[in-house]
Amino acid sequence: MTESDTVVQNSRLRAARVLPVDETLASDGTIEMLSHLKIAEGGGSNIPRVYFYDDTAGKTGKVHVGFFGPHRYMENTKS
């Protein structure tokens, strides 16, 4: 449930995974979210992705969702 090595090693693509969260989790209101779920198979860049940060064992006790939408809005090396 994480990004590919190619995305992680590309500073521009990795920076796109810095997404909004509650300021009680991060004082600047953003955190890097590499964990994501693919909703379905097939459909290419239209298949939705959910990028999230699991803080259920942390100070907020929540799962923070930073992005939900078509894969084409979260650029990578395959889209």
PDB file of N, CA and C in Angstrom:
ATOM      1  N   MET A   1       0.821  -1.200   0.000  1.00  0.00           N
ATOM      2  CA  MET A   1       0.000   0.000   0.000  1.00  0.00           C
ATOM      3  C   MET A   1       0.858   1.254   0.000  1.00  0.00           C
ATOM      4  N   THR A   2       1.968   1.194  -0.665  1.00  0.00           N
ATOM      5  CA  THR A   2       2.821   2.375  -0.723  1.00  0.00           C
ATOM      6  C   THR A   2       3.204   2.657  -2.174  1.00  0.00           C
ATOM      7  N   GLU A   3       3.843   3.769  -2.386  1.00  0.00           N
ATOM      8  CA  GLU A   3       4.256   4.161  -3.723  1.00  0.00           C
ATOM      9  C   GLU A   3       5.431   3.322  -4.200  1.00  0.00           C
ATOM     10  N   SER A   4       5.632   3.340  -5.505  1.00  0.00           N
ATOM     11  CA  SER A   4       6.757   2.633  -6.105  1.00  0.00           C
ATOM     12  C   SER A   4       8.061   3.329  -5.741  1.00  0.00           C
ATOM     13  N   ASP A   5       9.167   2.611  -5.875  1.00  0.00           N
ATOM     14  CA  ASP A   5      10.485   3.214  -5.641  1.00  0.00           C
ATOM     15  C   ASP A   5      10.720   4.386  -6.576  1.00  0.00           C
ATOM     16  N   THR A   6      10.206   4.294  -7.807  1.00  0.00           N
ATOM     17  CA  THR A   6      10.378   5.367  -8.785  1.00  0.00           C
ATOM     18  C   THR A   6       9.749   6.661  -8.295  1.00  0.00           C
ATOM     19  N   VAL A   7       8.531   6.581  -7.757  1.00  0.00           N
ATOM     20  CA  VAL A   7       7.851   7.770  -7.229  1.00  0.00           C
ATOM     21  C   VAL A   7       8.587   8.287  -5.998  1.00  0.00           C
ATOM     22  N   VAL A   8       8.959   7.392  -5.098  1.00  0.00           N
ATOM     23  CA  VAL A   8       9.626   7.784  -3.855  1.00  0.00           C
ATOM     24  C   VAL A   8      10.949   8.490  -4.143  1.00  0.00           C
ATOM     25  N   GLN A   9      11.653   8.063  -5.175  1.00  0.00           N
ATOM     26  CA  GLN A   9      12.959   8.641  -5.483  1.00  0.00           C
ATOM     27  C   GLN A   9      12.883   9.887  -6.373  1.00  0.00           C
ATOM     28  N   ASN A  10      11.684  10.225  -6.873  1.00  0.00           N
ATOM     29  CA  ASN A  10      11.520  11.402  -7.720  1.00  0.00           C
ATOM     30  C   ASN A  10      10.956  12.536  -6.857  1.00  0.00           C
ATOM     31  N   SER A  11      11.735  13.569  -6.615  1.00  0.00           N
ATOM     32  CA  SER A  11      11.328  14.620  -5.673  1.00  0.00           C
ATOM     33  C   SER A  11      10.046  15.333  -6.103  1.00  0.00           C
ATOM     34  N   ARG A  12       9.842  15.528  -7.399  1.00  0.00           N
ATOM     35  CA  ARG A  12       8.629  16.207  -7.876  1.00  0.00           C
ATOM     36  C   ARG A  12       7.387  15.334  -7.637  1.00  0.00           C
ATOM     37  N   LEU A  13       7.482  14.056  -7.967  1.00  0.00           N
ATOM     38  CA  LEU A  13       6.339  13.159  -7.756  1.00  0.00           C
ATOM     39  C   LEU A  13       6.082  12.936  -6.267  1.00  0.00           C
ATOM     40  N   ARG A  14       7.140  12.798  -5.505  1.00  0.00           N
ATOM     41  CA  ARG A  14       6.990  12.587  -4.058  1.00  0.00           C
ATOM     42  C   ARG A  14       6.360  13.811  -3.390  1.00  0.00           C
ATOM     43  N   ALA A  15       6.744  14.996  -3.835  1.00  0.00           N
ATOM     44  CA  ALA A  15       6.189  16.229  -3.259  1.00  0.00           C
ATOM     45  C   ALA A  15       4.682  16.327  -3.486  1.00  0.00           C
ATOM     46  N   ALA A  16       4.195  15.731  -4.567  1.00  0.00           N
ATOM     47  CA  ALA A  16       2.751  15.747  -4.846  1.00  0.00           C
ATOM     48  C   ALA A  16       1.980  14.907  -3.839  1.00  0.00           C
ATOM     49  N   ARG A  17       2.685  14.084  -3.077  1.00  0.00           N
ATOM     50  CA  ARG A  17       2.032  13.244  -2.058  1.00  0.00           C
ATOM     51  C   ARG A  17       2.044  13.908  -0.680  1.00  0.00           C
ATOM     52  N   VAL A  18       2.447  15.157  -0.597  1.00  0.00           N
ATOM     53  CA  VAL A  18       2.347  15.930   0.642  1.00  0.00           C
ATOM     54  C   VAL A  18       0.952  16.543   0.624  1.00  0.00           C
ATOM     55  N   LEU A  19       0.102  16.042   1.498  1.00  0.00           N
ATOM     56  CA  LEU A  19      -1.332  16.329   1.434  1.00  0.00           C
ATOM     57  C   LEU A  19      -1.845  16.902   2.751  1.00  0.00           C
ATOM     58  N   PRO A  20      -3.013  17.525   2.723  1.00  0.00           N
ATOM     59  CA  PRO A  20      -3.537  18.187   3.922  1.00  0.00           C
ATOM     60  C   PRO A  20      -3.998  17.213   5.005  1.00  0.00           C
ATOM     61  N   VAL A  21      -3.739  17.615   6.248  1.00  0.00           N
ATOM     62  CA  VAL A  21      -4.203  16.874   7.430  1.00  0.00           C
ATOM     63  C   VAL A  21      -4.608  17.876   8.507  1.00  0.00           C
ATOM     64  N   ASP A  22      -5.219  17.373   9.526  1.00  0.00           N
ATOM     65  CA  ASP A  22      -5.571  18.169  10.695  1.00  0.00           C
ATOM     66  C   ASP A  22      -4.296  18.741  11.315  1.00  0.00           C
ATOM     67  N   GLU A  23      -4.321  19.994  11.707  1.00  0.00           N
ATOM     68  CA  GLU A  23      -3.134  20.634  12.295  1.00  0.00           C
ATOM     69  C   GLU A  23      -2.742  20.046  13.638  1.00  0.00           C
ATOM     70  N   THR A  24      -3.615  19.259  14.259  1.00  0.00           N
ATOM     71  CA  THR A  24      -3.202  18.576  15.491  1.00  0.00           C
ATOM     72  C   THR A  24      -2.236  17.435  15.183  1.00  0.00           C
ATOM     73  N   LEU A  25      -2.229  16.965  13.943  1.00  0.00           N
ATOM     74  CA  LEU A  25      -1.289  15.925  13.528  1.00  0.00           C
ATOM     75  C   LEU A  25       0.033  16.537  13.072  1.00  0.00           C
ATOM     76  N   ALA A  26      -0.041  17.584  12.263  1.00  0.00           N
ATOM     77  CA  ALA A  26       1.164  18.262  11.757  1.00  0.00           C
ATOM     78  C   ALA A  26       0.914  19.761  11.813  1.00  0.00           C
ATOM     79  N   SER A  27       1.795  20.486  12.453  1.00  0.00           N
ATOM     80  CA  SER A  27       1.556  21.914  12.691  1.00  0.00           C
ATOM     81  C   SER A  27       1.387  22.735  11.414  1.00  0.00           C
ATOM     82  N   ASP A  28       1.995  22.306  10.304  1.00  0.00           N
ATOM     83  CA  ASP A  28       1.826  23.055   9.054  1.00  0.00           C
ATOM     84  C   ASP A  28       0.610  22.587   8.254  1.00  0.00           C
ATOM     85  N   GLY A  29      -0.124  21.606   8.764  1.00  0.00           N
ATOM     86  CA  GLY A  29      -1.353  21.150   8.105  1.00  0.00           C
ATOM     87  C   GLY A  29      -1.127  20.233   6.922  1.00  0.00           C
ATOM     88  N   THR A  30       0.100  19.697   6.777  1.00  0.00           N
ATOM     89  CA  THR A  30       0.381  18.759   5.690  1.00  0.00           C
ATOM     90  C   THR A  30       1.244  17.614   6.194  1.00  0.00           C
ATOM     91  N   ILE A  31       1.162  16.484   5.493  1.00  0.00           N
ATOM     92  CA  ILE A  31       2.015  15.335   5.805  1.00  0.00           C
ATOM     93  C   ILE A  31       2.172  14.505   4.541  1.00  0.00           C
ATOM     94  N   GLU A  32       3.293  13.842   4.421  1.00  0.00           N
ATOM     95  CA  GLU A  32       3.520  12.979   3.259  1.00  0.00           C
ATOM     96  C   GLU A  32       2.669  11.710   3.392  1.00  0.00           C
ATOM     97  N   MET A  33       1.903  11.430   2.342  1.00  0.00           N
ATOM     98  CA  MET A  33       1.049  10.248   2.318  1.00  0.00           C
ATOM     99  C   MET A  33       1.441   9.371   1.139  1.00  0.00           C
ATOM    100  N   LEU A  34       2.205   8.342   1.419  1.00  0.00           N
ATOM    101  CA  LEU A  34       2.588   7.397   0.380  1.00  0.00           C
ATOM    102  C   LEU A  34       1.647   6.198   0.354  1.00  0.00           C
ATOM    103  N   SER A  35       0.944   5.962   1.453  1.00  0.00           N
ATOM    104  CA  SER A  35      -0.015   4.856   1.511  1.00  0.00           C
ATOM    105  C   SER A  35      -1.251   5.211   0.715  1.00  0.00           C
ATOM    106  N   HIS A  36      -1.702   4.262  -0.097  1.00  0.00           N
ATOM    107  CA  HIS A  36      -2.907   4.512  -0.885  1.00  0.00           C
ATOM    108  C   HIS A  36      -3.572   3.197  -1.265  1.00  0.00           C
ATOM    109  N   LEU A  37      -4.831   3.309  -1.596  1.00  0.00           N
ATOM    110  CA  LEU A  37      -5.634   2.177  -2.040  1.00  0.00           C
ATOM    111  C   LEU A  37      -6.123   2.432  -3.446  1.00  0.00           C
ATOM    112  N   LYS A  38      -6.109   1.407  -4.256  1.00  0.00           N
ATOM    113  CA  LYS A  38      -6.695   1.461  -5.593  1.00  0.00           C
ATOM    114  C   LYS A  38      -8.087   0.837  -5.459  1.00  0.00           C
ATOM    115  N   ILE A  39      -9.126   1.544  -5.923  1.00  0.00           N
ATOM    116  CA  ILE A  39     -10.502   1.115  -5.709  1.00  0.00           C
ATOM    117  C   ILE A  39     -10.908  -0.057  -6.602  1.00  0.00           C
ATOM    118  N   ALA A  40     -10.389  -0.132  -7.830  1.00  0.00           N
ATOM    119  CA  ALA A  40     -10.790  -1.183  -8.765  1.00  0.00           C
ATOM    120  C   ALA A  40      -9.644  -1.486  -9.711  1.00  0.00           C
ATOM    121  N   GLU A  41      -9.793  -2.527 -10.493  1.00  0.00           N
ATOM    122  CA  GLU A  41      -8.807  -2.896 -11.513  1.00  0.00           C
ATOM    123  C   GLU A  41      -9.296  -2.420 -12.875  1.00  0.00           C
ATOM    124  N   GLY A  42      -8.369  -2.194 -13.791  1.00  0.00           N
ATOM    125  CA  GLY A  42      -8.733  -1.739 -15.132  1.00  0.00           C
ATOM    126  C   GLY A  42      -9.125  -0.273 -15.112  1.00  0.00           C
ATOM    127  N   GLY A  43      -9.362   0.288 -16.263  1.00  0.00           N
ATOM    128  CA  GLY A  43      -9.816   1.676 -16.323  1.00  0.00           C
ATOM    129  C   GLY A  43      -8.713   2.705 -16.346  1.00  0.00           C
ATOM    130  N   GLY A  44      -7.454   2.260 -16.251  1.00  0.00           N
ATOM    131  CA  GLY A  44      -6.323   3.173 -16.363  1.00  0.00           C
ATOM    132  C   GLY A  44      -6.348   4.330 -15.391  1.00  0.00           C
ATOM    133  N   SER A  45      -6.199   5.531 -15.924  1.00  0.00           N
ATOM    134  CA  SER A  45      -6.058   6.721 -15.075  1.00  0.00           C
ATOM    135  C   SER A  45      -7.372   7.194 -14.458  1.00  0.00           C
ATOM    136  N   ASN A  46      -8.489   6.545 -14.790  1.00  0.00           N
ATOM    137  CA  ASN A  46      -9.778   6.917 -14.188  1.00  0.00           C
ATOM    138  C   ASN A  46     -10.078   6.180 -12.896  1.00  0.00           C
ATOM    139  N   ILE A  47      -9.316   5.135 -12.585  1.00  0.00           N
ATOM    140  CA  ILE A  47      -9.562   4.365 -11.366  1.00  0.00           C
ATOM    141  C   ILE A  47      -9.216   5.223 -10.145  1.00  0.00           C
ATOM    142  N   PRO A  48     -10.157   5.369  -9.221  1.00  0.00           N
ATOM    143  CA  PRO A  48      -9.898   6.211  -8.047  1.00  0.00           C
ATOM    144  C   PRO A  48      -8.809   5.652  -7.138  1.00  0.00           C
ATOM    145  N   ARG A  49      -8.096   6.559  -6.531  1.00  0.00           N
ATOM    146  CA  ARG A  49      -7.116   6.248  -5.487  1.00  0.00           C
ATOM    147  C   ARG A  49      -7.516   7.001  -4.229  1.00  0.00           C
ATOM    148  N   VAL A  50      -7.219   6.387  -3.091  1.00  0.00           N
ATOM    149  CA  VAL A  50      -7.411   7.030  -1.789  1.00  0.00           C
ATOM    150  C   VAL A  50      -6.038   7.073  -1.124  1.00  0.00           C
ATOM    151  N   TYR A  51      -5.504   8.274  -0.950  1.00  0.00           N
ATOM    152  CA  TYR A  51      -4.238   8.461  -0.241  1.00  0.00           C
ATOM    153  C   TYR A  51      -4.561   8.800   1.200  1.00  0.00           C
ATOM    154  N   PHE A  52      -3.880   8.112   2.133  1.00  0.00           N
ATOM    155  CA  PHE A  52      -4.228   8.276   3.541  1.00  0.00           C
ATOM    156  C   PHE A  52      -3.003   8.170   4.438  1.00  0.00           C
ATOM    157  N   TYR A  53      -3.180   8.641   5.672  1.00  0.00           N
ATOM    158  CA  TYR A  53      -2.163   8.523   6.707  1.00  0.00           C
ATOM    159  C   TYR A  53      -2.829   7.907   7.928  1.00  0.00           C
ATOM    160  N   ASP A  54      -2.337   6.768   8.359  1.00  0.00           N
ATOM    161  CA  ASP A  54      -2.919   6.046   9.501  1.00  0.00           C
ATOM    162  C   ASP A  54      -2.297   6.537  10.800  1.00  0.00           C
ATOM    163  N   ASP A  55      -3.060   7.293  11.545  1.00  0.00           N
ATOM    164  CA  ASP A  55      -2.621   7.789  12.851  1.00  0.00           C
ATOM    165  C   ASP A  55      -3.498   7.200  13.955  1.00  0.00           C
ATOM    166  N   THR A  56      -4.072   6.029  13.706  1.00  0.00           N
ATOM    167  CA  THR A  56      -4.977   5.426  14.695  1.00  0.00           C
ATOM    168  C   THR A  56      -4.272   5.099  16.005  1.00  0.00           C
ATOM    169  N   ALA A  57      -2.983   4.848  15.958  1.00  0.00           N
ATOM    170  CA  ALA A  57      -2.229   4.585  17.180  1.00  0.00           C
ATOM    171  C   ALA A  57      -1.498   5.842  17.665  1.00  0.00           C
ATOM    172  N   GLY A  58      -1.734   6.965  17.017  1.00  0.00           N
ATOM    173  CA  GLY A  58      -1.039   8.213  17.349  1.00  0.00           C
ATOM    174  C   GLY A  58      -1.898   9.191  18.126  1.00  0.00           C
ATOM    175  N   LYS A  59      -1.513  10.458  18.056  1.00  0.00           N
ATOM    176  CA  LYS A  59      -2.174  11.478  18.883  1.00  0.00           C
ATOM    177  C   LYS A  59      -3.593  11.818  18.456  1.00  0.00           C
ATOM    178  N   THR A  60      -3.948  11.653  17.182  1.00  0.00           N
ATOM    179  CA  THR A  60      -5.320  11.973  16.771  1.00  0.00           C
ATOM    180  C   THR A  60      -6.242  10.767  16.820  1.00  0.00           C
ATOM    181  N   GLY A  61      -5.684   9.560  16.713  1.00  0.00           N
ATOM    182  CA  GLY A  61      -6.503   8.357  16.728  1.00  0.00           C
ATOM    183  C   GLY A  61      -7.360   8.201  15.482  1.00  0.00           C
ATOM    184  N   LYS A  62      -6.946   8.830  14.381  1.00  0.00           N
ATOM    185  CA  LYS A  62      -7.749   8.836  13.151  1.00  0.00           C
ATOM    186  C   LYS A  62      -6.937   8.348  11.954  1.00  0.00           C
ATOM    187  N   VAL A  63      -7.668   8.001  10.895  1.00  0.00           N
ATOM    188  CA  VAL A  63      -7.070   7.809   9.583  1.00  0.00           C
ATOM    189  C   VAL A  63      -7.384   9.083   8.813  1.00  0.00           C
ATOM    190  N   HIS A  64      -6.351   9.767   8.351  1.00  0.00           N
ATOM    191  CA  HIS A  64      -6.503  11.030   7.633  1.00  0.00           C
ATOM    192  C   HIS A  64      -6.453  10.769   6.136  1.00  0.00           C
ATOM    193  N   VAL A  65      -7.496  11.174   5.431  1.00  0.00           N
ATOM    194  CA  VAL A  65      -7.555  11.017   3.977  1.00  0.00           C
ATOM    195  C   VAL A  65      -7.159  12.344   3.346  1.00  0.00           C
ATOM    196  N   GLY A  66      -6.110  12.296   2.533  1.00  0.00           N
ATOM    197  CA  GLY A  66      -5.603  13.510   1.905  1.00  0.00           C
ATOM    198  C   GLY A  66      -6.061  13.678   0.469  1.00  0.00           C
ATOM    199  N   PHE A  67      -6.419  12.572  -0.182  1.00  0.00           N
ATOM    200  CA  PHE A  67      -6.850  12.640  -1.579  1.00  0.00           C
ATOM    201  C   PHE A  67      -7.733  11.452  -1.897  1.00  0.00           C
ATOM    202  N   PHE A  68      -8.830  11.722  -2.594  1.00  0.00           N
ATOM    203  CA  PHE A  68      -9.686  10.682  -3.144  1.00  0.00           C
ATOM    204  C   PHE A  68     -10.108  11.146  -4.525  1.00  0.00           C
ATOM    205  N   GLY A  69      -9.709  10.409  -5.543  1.00  0.00           N
ATOM    206  CA  GLY A  69     -10.079  10.808  -6.884  1.00  0.00           C
ATOM    207  C   GLY A  69      -9.371   9.984  -7.939  1.00  0.00           C
ATOM    208  N   PRO A  70      -9.613  10.308  -9.218  1.00  0.00           N
ATOM    209  CA  PRO A  70      -8.999   9.575 -10.319  1.00  0.00           C
ATOM    210  C   PRO A  70      -7.469   9.629 -10.271  1.00  0.00           C
ATOM    211  N   HIS A  71      -6.865   8.541 -10.641  1.00  0.00           N
ATOM    212  CA  HIS A  71      -5.417   8.429 -10.614  1.00  0.00           C
ATOM    213  C   HIS A  71      -4.728   9.501 -11.461  1.00  0.00           C
ATOM    214  N   ARG A  72      -5.388   9.984 -12.494  1.00  0.00           N
ATOM    215  CA  ARG A  72      -4.769  10.989 -13.377  1.00  0.00           C
ATOM    216  C   ARG A  72      -4.422  12.282 -12.641  1.00  0.00           C
ATOM    217  N   TYR A  73      -5.054  12.532 -11.494  1.00  0.00           N
ATOM    218  CA  TYR A  73      -4.746  13.733 -10.724  1.00  0.00           C
ATOM    219  C   TYR A  73      -3.565  13.541  -9.766  1.00  0.00           C
ATOM    220  N   MET A  74      -3.066  12.319  -9.687  1.00  0.00           N
ATOM    221  CA  MET A  74      -1.906  12.032  -8.831  1.00  0.00           C
ATOM    222  C   MET A  74      -0.818  11.472  -9.746  1.00  0.00           C
ATOM    223  N   GLU A  75      -0.105  12.376 -10.398  1.00  0.00           N
ATOM    224  CA  GLU A  75       0.864  11.992 -11.433  1.00  0.00           C
ATOM    225  C   GLU A  75       1.873  10.966 -10.934  1.00  0.00           C
ATOM    226  N   ASN A  76       2.208  10.035 -11.826  1.00  0.00           N
ATOM    227  CA  ASN A  76       3.265   9.072 -11.555  1.00  0.00           C
ATOM    228  C   ASN A  76       3.933   8.697 -12.860  1.00  0.00           C
ATOM    229  N   THR A  77       4.809   7.727 -12.847  1.00  0.00           N
ATOM    230  CA  THR A  77       5.551   7.380 -14.056  1.00  0.00           C
ATOM    231  C   THR A  77       4.736   6.527 -15.034  1.00  0.00           C
ATOM    232  N   LYS A  78       3.577   6.027 -14.607  1.00  0.00           N
ATOM    233  CA  LYS A  78       2.777   5.168 -15.478  1.00  0.00           C
ATOM    234  C   LYS A  78       1.507   5.832 -15.971  1.00  0.00           C
ATOM    235  N   SER A  79       1.240   7.043 -15.532  1.00  0.00           N
ATOM    236  CA  SER A  79       0.007   7.714 -15.978  1.00  0.00           C
ATOM    237  C   SER A  79       0.326   8.975 -16.756  1.00  0.00           C
TER     238      SER A  79
END
